[in-house]
Amino acid sequence: MDGTNTKQAIKDYILGEFLPGENPALLTDSTPLITGGVLDSLAILKLVAFLQDRFGIEVEPHETAVEYMDTLPAITDLVRSKLA
């Protein structure tokens, strides 16, 4: 799976699960997910479960921090680093 598809799968999940009914164009690469209040601690756990199931990766506890989960590119980079 290439990076574009990876990012789109993550974006689609976030839109469907945490931003239902929102304009998809509002979720951009620079949208702050944690610091902007889109993802709280429970949402991060759900996102991690999705990432692990969808991509067959293991997300470590420290990788749920803001620097790994605050933007679509950060989450995509985390997934890509696990798939490499």
PDB file of N, CA and C in Angstrom:
ATOM      1  N   MET A   1       0.860  -1.196   0.000  1.00  0.00           N
ATOM      2  CA  MET A   1       0.000   0.000   0.000  1.00  0.00           C
ATOM      3  C   MET A   1       0.887   1.234   0.000  1.00  0.00           C
ATOM      4  N   ASP A   2       0.647   2.133  -0.915  1.00  0.00           N
ATOM      5  CA  ASP A   2       1.489   3.325  -0.972  1.00  0.00           C
ATOM      6  C   ASP A   2       1.028   4.374   0.040  1.00  0.00           C
ATOM      7  N   GLY A   3       1.842   5.392   0.201  1.00  0.00           N
ATOM      8  CA  GLY A   3       1.577   6.395   1.223  1.00  0.00           C
ATOM      9  C   GLY A   3       0.288   7.166   1.018  1.00  0.00           C
ATOM     10  N   THR A   4      -0.078   7.407  -0.260  1.00  0.00           N
ATOM     11  CA  THR A   4      -1.309   8.137  -0.532  1.00  0.00           C
ATOM     12  C   THR A   4      -2.519   7.342  -0.054  1.00  0.00           C
ATOM     13  N   ASN A   5      -2.531   6.053  -0.342  1.00  0.00           N
ATOM     14  CA  ASN A   5      -3.634   5.210   0.107  1.00  0.00           C
ATOM     15  C   ASN A   5      -3.649   5.068   1.621  1.00  0.00           C
ATOM     16  N   THR A   6      -2.474   5.003   2.214  1.00  0.00           N
ATOM     17  CA  THR A   6      -2.372   4.912   3.670  1.00  0.00           C
ATOM     18  C   THR A   6      -2.999   6.149   4.306  1.00  0.00           C
ATOM     19  N   LYS A   7      -2.587   7.322   3.838  1.00  0.00           N
ATOM     20  CA  LYS A   7      -3.117   8.563   4.394  1.00  0.00           C
ATOM     21  C   LYS A   7      -4.623   8.666   4.170  1.00  0.00           C
ATOM     22  N   GLN A   8      -5.095   8.267   2.990  1.00  0.00           N
ATOM     23  CA  GLN A   8      -6.523   8.353   2.696  1.00  0.00           C
ATOM     24  C   GLN A   8      -7.323   7.422   3.602  1.00  0.00           C
ATOM     25  N   ALA A   9      -6.806   6.234   3.865  1.00  0.00           N
ATOM     26  CA  ALA A   9      -7.500   5.294   4.754  1.00  0.00           C
ATOM     27  C   ALA A   9      -7.607   5.869   6.163  1.00  0.00           C
ATOM     28  N   ILE A  10      -6.536   6.497   6.627  1.00  0.00           N
ATOM     29  CA  ILE A  10      -6.532   7.111   7.962  1.00  0.00           C
ATOM     30  C   ILE A  10      -7.499   8.291   7.983  1.00  0.00           C
ATOM     31  N   LYS A  11      -7.453   9.115   6.956  1.00  0.00           N
ATOM     32  CA  LYS A  11      -8.343  10.283   6.875  1.00  0.00           C
ATOM     33  C   LYS A  11      -9.808   9.845   6.854  1.00  0.00           C
ATOM     34  N   ASP A  12     -10.102   8.831   6.046  1.00  0.00           N
ATOM     35  CA  ASP A  12     -11.478   8.338   5.959  1.00  0.00           C
ATOM     36  C   ASP A  12     -11.970   7.834   7.314  1.00  0.00           C
ATOM     37  N   TYR A  13     -11.095   7.129   8.025  1.00  0.00           N
ATOM     38  CA  TYR A  13     -11.478   6.615   9.340  1.00  0.00           C
ATOM     39  C   TYR A  13     -11.755   7.768  10.312  1.00  0.00           C
ATOM     40  N   ILE A  14     -10.864   8.739  10.365  1.00  0.00           N
ATOM     41  CA  ILE A  14     -11.034   9.877  11.280  1.00  0.00           C
ATOM     42  C   ILE A  14     -12.318  10.639  10.944  1.00  0.00           C
ATOM     43  N   LEU A  15     -12.555  10.866   9.665  1.00  0.00           N
ATOM     44  CA  LEU A  15     -13.772  11.574   9.254  1.00  0.00           C
ATOM     45  C   LEU A  15     -15.026  10.801   9.670  1.00  0.00           C
ATOM     46  N   GLY A  16     -15.037   9.511   9.405  1.00  0.00           N
ATOM     47  CA  GLY A  16     -16.219   8.710   9.694  1.00  0.00           C
ATOM     48  C   GLY A  16     -16.461   8.490  11.171  1.00  0.00           C
ATOM     49  N   GLU A  17     -15.382   8.331  11.913  1.00  0.00           N
ATOM     50  CA  GLU A  17     -15.494   7.973  13.328  1.00  0.00           C
ATOM     51  C   GLU A  17     -15.602   9.186  14.243  1.00  0.00           C
ATOM     52  N   PHE A  18     -14.843  10.233  13.955  1.00  0.00           N
ATOM     53  CA  PHE A  18     -14.733  11.357  14.891  1.00  0.00           C
ATOM     54  C   PHE A  18     -15.293  12.680  14.351  1.00  0.00           C
ATOM     55  N   LEU A  19     -15.529  12.763  13.047  1.00  0.00           N
ATOM     56  CA  LEU A  19     -16.037  13.998  12.452  1.00  0.00           C
ATOM     57  C   LEU A  19     -17.201  13.709  11.507  1.00  0.00           C
ATOM     58  N   PRO A  20     -18.173  12.907  11.928  1.00  0.00           N
ATOM     59  CA  PRO A  20     -19.267  12.577  11.012  1.00  0.00           C
ATOM     60  C   PRO A  20     -20.033  13.833  10.608  1.00  0.00           C
ATOM     61  N   GLY A  21     -20.299  13.936   9.317  1.00  0.00           N
ATOM     62  CA  GLY A  21     -21.056  15.075   8.813  1.00  0.00           C
ATOM     63  C   GLY A  21     -20.224  16.305   8.519  1.00  0.00           C
ATOM     64  N   GLU A  22     -18.957  16.290   8.905  1.00  0.00           N
ATOM     65  CA  GLU A  22     -18.094  17.442   8.634  1.00  0.00           C
ATOM     66  C   GLU A  22     -17.654  17.429   7.170  1.00  0.00           C
ATOM     67  N   ASN A  23     -17.339  18.582   6.662  1.00  0.00           N
ATOM     68  CA  ASN A  23     -16.817  18.705   5.308  1.00  0.00           C
ATOM     69  C   ASN A  23     -15.427  18.070   5.276  1.00  0.00           C
ATOM     70  N   PRO A  24     -15.226  17.025   4.454  1.00  0.00           N
ATOM     71  CA  PRO A  24     -13.909  16.369   4.400  1.00  0.00           C
ATOM     72  C   PRO A  24     -12.768  17.322   4.065  1.00  0.00           C
ATOM     73  N   ALA A  25     -13.072  18.410   3.342  1.00  0.00           N
ATOM     74  CA  ALA A  25     -12.030  19.372   2.974  1.00  0.00           C
ATOM     75  C   ALA A  25     -11.462  20.099   4.198  1.00  0.00           C
ATOM     76  N   LEU A  26     -12.196  20.086   5.303  1.00  0.00           N
ATOM     77  CA  LEU A  26     -11.717  20.761   6.508  1.00  0.00           C
ATOM     78  C   LEU A  26     -10.643  19.956   7.240  1.00  0.00           C
ATOM     79  N   LEU A  27     -10.521  18.667   6.925  1.00  0.00           N
ATOM     80  CA  LEU A  27      -9.476  17.842   7.531  1.00  0.00           C
ATOM     81  C   LEU A  27      -8.285  17.821   6.579  1.00  0.00           C
ATOM     82  N   THR A  28      -7.334  18.712   6.850  1.00  0.00           N
ATOM     83  CA  THR A  28      -6.160  18.860   5.993  1.00  0.00           C
ATOM     84  C   THR A  28      -4.931  18.310   6.703  1.00  0.00           C
ATOM     85  N   ASP A  29      -3.797  18.333   6.000  1.00  0.00           N
ATOM     86  CA  ASP A  29      -2.548  17.862   6.587  1.00  0.00           C
ATOM     87  C   ASP A  29      -2.134  18.675   7.803  1.00  0.00           C
ATOM     88  N   SER A  30      -2.591  19.917   7.884  1.00  0.00           N
ATOM     89  CA  SER A  30      -2.178  20.763   9.007  1.00  0.00           C
ATOM     90  C   SER A  30      -3.224  20.846  10.122  1.00  0.00           C
ATOM     91  N   THR A  31      -4.352  20.139   9.968  1.00  0.00           N
ATOM     92  CA  THR A  31      -5.382  20.160  11.011  1.00  0.00           C
ATOM     93  C   THR A  31      -4.837  19.510  12.279  1.00  0.00           C
ATOM     94  N   PRO A  32      -4.814  20.240  13.409  1.00  0.00           N
ATOM     95  CA  PRO A  32      -4.322  19.643  14.661  1.00  0.00           C
ATOM     96  C   PRO A  32      -5.402  18.734  15.265  1.00  0.00           C
ATOM     97  N   LEU A  33      -5.119  17.447  15.321  1.00  0.00           N
ATOM     98  CA  LEU A  33      -6.133  16.490  15.762  1.00  0.00           C
ATOM     99  C   LEU A  33      -6.236  16.399  17.280  1.00  0.00           C
ATOM    100  N   ILE A  34      -5.109  16.368  17.951  1.00  0.00           N
ATOM    101  CA  ILE A  34      -5.124  16.284  19.418  1.00  0.00           C
ATOM    102  C   ILE A  34      -5.209  17.684  20.009  1.00  0.00           C
ATOM    103  N   THR A  35      -4.285  18.554  19.616  1.00  0.00           N
ATOM    104  CA  THR A  35      -4.265  19.902  20.190  1.00  0.00           C
ATOM    105  C   THR A  35      -5.470  20.711  19.745  1.00  0.00           C
ATOM    106  N   GLY A  36      -6.114  20.305  18.639  1.00  0.00           N
ATOM    107  CA  GLY A  36      -7.322  20.979  18.168  1.00  0.00           C
ATOM    108  C   GLY A  36      -8.602  20.395  18.742  1.00  0.00           C
ATOM    109  N   GLY A  37      -8.481  19.346  19.549  1.00  0.00           N
ATOM    110  CA  GLY A  37      -9.652  18.790  20.224  1.00  0.00           C
ATOM    111  C   GLY A  37     -10.442  17.764  19.431  1.00  0.00           C
ATOM    112  N   VAL A  38      -9.938  17.344  18.264  1.00  0.00           N
ATOM    113  CA  VAL A  38     -10.643  16.322  17.489  1.00  0.00           C
ATOM    114  C   VAL A  38     -10.491  14.961  18.158  1.00  0.00           C
ATOM    115  N   LEU A  39      -9.273  14.659  18.609  1.00  0.00           N
ATOM    116  CA  LEU A  39      -8.991  13.381  19.256  1.00  0.00           C
ATOM    117  C   LEU A  39      -8.730  13.585  20.750  1.00  0.00           C
ATOM    118  N   ASP A  40      -9.492  12.866  21.583  1.00  0.00           N
ATOM    119  CA  ASP A  40      -9.198  12.829  23.010  1.00  0.00           C
ATOM    120  C   ASP A  40      -8.557  11.467  23.309  1.00  0.00           C
ATOM    121  N   SER A  41      -8.340  11.160  24.567  1.00  0.00           N
ATOM    122  CA  SER A  41      -7.618   9.928  24.895  1.00  0.00           C
ATOM    123  C   SER A  41      -8.366   8.684  24.434  1.00  0.00           C
ATOM    124  N   LEU A  42      -9.671   8.655  24.558  1.00  0.00           N
ATOM    125  CA  LEU A  42     -10.448   7.513  24.100  1.00  0.00           C
ATOM    126  C   LEU A  42     -10.390   7.396  22.577  1.00  0.00           C
ATOM    127  N   ALA A  43     -10.489   8.521  21.893  1.00  0.00           N
ATOM    128  CA  ALA A  43     -10.411   8.523  20.432  1.00  0.00           C
ATOM    129  C   ALA A  43      -9.050   8.030  19.957  1.00  0.00           C
ATOM    130  N   ILE A  44      -7.991   8.384  20.661  1.00  0.00           N
ATOM    131  CA  ILE A  44      -6.653   7.920  20.289  1.00  0.00           C
ATOM    132  C   ILE A  44      -6.578   6.403  20.418  1.00  0.00           C
ATOM    133  N   LEU A  45      -7.158   5.849  21.475  1.00  0.00           N
ATOM    134  CA  LEU A  45      -7.172   4.388  21.640  1.00  0.00           C
ATOM    135  C   LEU A  45      -7.918   3.721  20.485  1.00  0.00           C
ATOM    136  N   LYS A  46      -9.040   4.299  20.086  1.00  0.00           N
ATOM    137  CA  LYS A  46      -9.802   3.751  18.957  1.00  0.00           C
ATOM    138  C   LYS A  46      -9.006   3.858  17.659  1.00  0.00           C
ATOM    139  N   LEU A  47      -8.326   4.991  17.466  1.00  0.00           N
ATOM    140  CA  LEU A  47      -7.507   5.179  16.272  1.00  0.00           C
ATOM    141  C   LEU A  47      -6.363   4.163  16.243  1.00  0.00           C
ATOM    142  N   VAL A  48      -5.714   3.959  17.378  1.00  0.00           N
ATOM    143  CA  VAL A  48      -4.618   2.990  17.459  1.00  0.00           C
ATOM    144  C   VAL A  48      -5.124   1.588  17.127  1.00  0.00           C
ATOM    145  N   ALA A  49      -6.289   1.217  17.663  1.00  0.00           N
ATOM    146  CA  ALA A  49      -6.862  -0.100  17.357  1.00  0.00           C
ATOM    147  C   ALA A  49      -7.118  -0.231  15.852  1.00  0.00           C
ATOM    148  N   PHE A  50      -7.646   0.838  15.241  1.00  0.00           N
ATOM    149  CA  PHE A  50      -7.868   0.830  13.794  1.00  0.00           C
ATOM    150  C   PHE A  50      -6.551   0.656  13.043  1.00  0.00           C
ATOM    151  N   LEU A  51      -5.533   1.424  13.403  1.00  0.00           N
ATOM    152  CA  LEU A  51      -4.249   1.358  12.711  1.00  0.00           C
ATOM    153  C   LEU A  51      -3.653  -0.039  12.822  1.00  0.00           C
ATOM    154  N   GLN A  52      -3.729  -0.615  14.004  1.00  0.00           N
ATOM    155  CA  GLN A  52      -3.160  -1.951  14.222  1.00  0.00           C
ATOM    156  C   GLN A  52      -3.908  -3.000  13.407  1.00  0.00           C
ATOM    157  N   ASP A  53      -5.232  -2.919  13.386  1.00  0.00           N
ATOM    158  CA  ASP A  53      -6.032  -3.877  12.622  1.00  0.00           C
ATOM    159  C   ASP A  53      -5.872  -3.673  11.120  1.00  0.00           C
ATOM    160  N   ARG A  54      -5.954  -2.439  10.679  1.00  0.00           N
ATOM    161  CA  ARG A  54      -5.963  -2.131   9.241  1.00  0.00           C
ATOM    162  C   ARG A  54      -4.621  -2.386   8.587  1.00  0.00           C
ATOM    163  N   PHE A  55      -3.543  -2.038   9.301  1.00  0.00           N
ATOM    164  CA  PHE A  55      -2.218  -2.105   8.695  1.00  0.00           C
ATOM    165  C   PHE A  55      -1.350  -3.234   9.255  1.00  0.00           C
ATOM    166  N   GLY A  56      -1.847  -3.970  10.246  1.00  0.00           N
ATOM    167  CA  GLY A  56      -1.094  -5.082  10.808  1.00  0.00           C
ATOM    168  C   GLY A  56       0.178  -4.651  11.510  1.00  0.00           C
ATOM    169  N   ILE A  57       0.098  -3.522  12.205  1.00  0.00           N
ATOM    170  CA  ILE A  57       1.274  -2.978  12.895  1.00  0.00           C
ATOM    171  C   ILE A  57       1.023  -2.981  14.401  1.00  0.00           C
ATOM    172  N   GLU A  58       2.080  -2.746  15.155  1.00  0.00           N
ATOM    173  CA  GLU A  58       1.986  -2.604  16.603  1.00  0.00           C
ATOM    174  C   GLU A  58       2.387  -1.171  16.959  1.00  0.00           C
ATOM    175  N   VAL A  59       1.469  -0.436  17.575  1.00  0.00           N
ATOM    176  CA  VAL A  59       1.756   0.936  18.003  1.00  0.00           C
ATOM    177  C   VAL A  59       2.151   0.877  19.479  1.00  0.00           C
ATOM    178  N   GLU A  60       3.334   1.384  19.771  1.00  0.00           N
ATOM    179  CA  GLU A  60       3.845   1.376  21.144  1.00  0.00           C
ATOM    180  C   GLU A  60       3.167   2.477  21.961  1.00  0.00           C
ATOM    181  N   PRO A  61       3.088   2.289  23.285  1.00  0.00           N
ATOM    182  CA  PRO A  61       2.425   3.305  24.128  1.00  0.00           C
ATOM    183  C   PRO A  61       2.976   4.723  23.937  1.00  0.00           C
ATOM    184  N   HIS A  62       4.298   4.870  23.818  1.00  0.00           N
ATOM    185  CA  HIS A  62       4.861   6.225  23.655  1.00  0.00           C
ATOM    186  C   HIS A  62       4.492   6.838  22.309  1.00  0.00           C
ATOM    187  N   GLU A  63       4.071   6.008  21.358  1.00  0.00           N
ATOM    188  CA  GLU A  63       3.726   6.505  20.036  1.00  0.00           C
ATOM    189  C   GLU A  63       2.299   7.052  19.959  1.00  0.00           C
ATOM    190  N   THR A  64       1.611   7.103  21.083  1.00  0.00           N
ATOM    191  CA  THR A  64       0.294   7.738  21.119  1.00  0.00           C
ATOM    192  C   THR A  64       0.395   9.204  21.531  1.00  0.00           C
ATOM    193  N   ALA A  65       1.610   9.692  21.683  1.00  0.00           N
ATOM    194  CA  ALA A  65       1.844  11.080  22.083  1.00  0.00           C
ATOM    195  C   ALA A  65       1.549  12.039  20.923  1.00  0.00           C
ATOM    196  N   VAL A  66       1.415  13.305  21.274  1.00  0.00           N
ATOM    197  CA  VAL A  66       1.058  14.347  20.310  1.00  0.00           C
ATOM    198  C   VAL A  66       1.968  14.337  19.086  1.00  0.00           C
ATOM    199  N   GLU A  67       3.266  14.155  19.275  1.00  0.00           N
ATOM    200  CA  GLU A  67       4.168  14.248  18.118  1.00  0.00           C
ATOM    201  C   GLU A  67       3.920  13.148  17.086  1.00  0.00           C
ATOM    202  N   TYR A  68       3.288  12.072  17.468  1.00  0.00           N
ATOM    203  CA  TYR A  68       2.986  10.982  16.528  1.00  0.00           C
ATOM    204  C   TYR A  68       1.549  11.018  16.010  1.00  0.00           C
ATOM    205  N   MET A  69       0.646  11.677  16.713  1.00  0.00           N
ATOM    206  CA  MET A  69      -0.776  11.545  16.424  1.00  0.00           C
ATOM    207  C   MET A  69      -1.517  12.862  16.167  1.00  0.00           C
ATOM    208  N   ASP A  70      -0.813  13.997  16.082  1.00  0.00           N
ATOM    209  CA  ASP A  70      -1.518  15.280  16.018  1.00  0.00           C
ATOM    210  C   ASP A  70      -1.941  15.693  14.607  1.00  0.00           C
ATOM    211  N   THR A  71      -1.320  15.115  13.565  1.00  0.00           N
ATOM    212  CA  THR A  71      -1.695  15.477  12.202  1.00  0.00           C
ATOM    213  C   THR A  71      -1.753  14.227  11.323  1.00  0.00           C
ATOM    214  N   LEU A  72      -2.458  14.325  10.209  1.00  0.00           N
ATOM    215  CA  LEU A  72      -2.508  13.207   9.264  1.00  0.00           C
ATOM    216  C   LEU A  72      -1.112  12.785   8.788  1.00  0.00           C
ATOM    217  N   PRO A  73      -0.233  13.720   8.417  1.00  0.00           N
ATOM    218  CA  PRO A  73       1.105  13.296   7.990  1.00  0.00           C
ATOM    219  C   PRO A  73       1.881  12.588   9.105  1.00  0.00           C
ATOM    220  N   ALA A  74       1.733  13.040  10.342  1.00  0.00           N
ATOM    221  CA  ALA A  74       2.444  12.394  11.448  1.00  0.00           C
ATOM    222  C   ALA A  74       1.964  10.955  11.631  1.00  0.00           C
ATOM    223  N   ILE A  75       0.653  10.753  11.587  1.00  0.00           N
ATOM    224  CA  ILE A  75       0.100   9.406  11.735  1.00  0.00           C
ATOM    225  C   ILE A  75       0.527   8.540  10.548  1.00  0.00           C
ATOM    226  N   THR A  76       0.471   9.106   9.344  1.00  0.00           N
ATOM    227  CA  THR A  76       0.884   8.364   8.147  1.00  0.00           C
ATOM    228  C   THR A  76       2.351   7.971   8.232  1.00  0.00           C
ATOM    229  N   ASP A  77       3.200   8.892   8.679  1.00  0.00           N
ATOM    230  CA  ASP A  77       4.632   8.593   8.827  1.00  0.00           C
ATOM    231  C   ASP A  77       4.864   7.479   9.842  1.00  0.00           C
ATOM    232  N   LEU A  78       4.097   7.492  10.924  1.00  0.00           N
ATOM    233  CA  LEU A  78       4.216   6.448  11.933  1.00  0.00           C
ATOM    234  C   LEU A  78       3.872   5.087  11.317  1.00  0.00           C
ATOM    235  N   VAL A  79       2.764   5.036  10.601  1.00  0.00           N
ATOM    236  CA  VAL A  79       2.358   3.774   9.966  1.00  0.00           C
ATOM    237  C   VAL A  79       3.407   3.326   8.945  1.00  0.00           C
ATOM    238  N   ARG A  80       3.858   4.250   8.121  1.00  0.00           N
ATOM    239  CA  ARG A  80       4.875   3.900   7.096  1.00  0.00           C
ATOM    240  C   ARG A  80       6.147   3.371   7.743  1.00  0.00           C
ATOM    241  N   SER A  81       6.548   3.961   8.870  1.00  0.00           N
ATOM    242  CA  SER A  81       7.780   3.509   9.526  1.00  0.00           C
ATOM    243  C   SER A  81       7.631   2.077  10.035  1.00  0.00           C
ATOM    244  N   LYS A  82       6.413   1.682  10.358  1.00  0.00           N
ATOM    245  CA  LYS A  82       6.155   0.319  10.833  1.00  0.00           C
ATOM    246  C   LYS A  82       6.076  -0.672   9.686  1.00  0.00           C
ATOM    247  N   LEU A  83       5.733  -0.195   8.501  1.00  0.00           N
ATOM    248  CA  LEU A  83       5.569  -1.071   7.337  1.00  0.00           C
ATOM    249  C   LEU A  83       6.878  -1.267   6.571  1.00  0.00           C
ATOM    250  N   ALA A  84       7.837  -0.405   6.854  1.00  0.00           N
ATOM    251  CA  ALA A  84       9.106  -0.449   6.102  1.00  0.00           C
ATOM    252  C   ALA A  84       9.909  -1.695   6.431  1.00  0.00           C
TER     253      ALA A  84
END
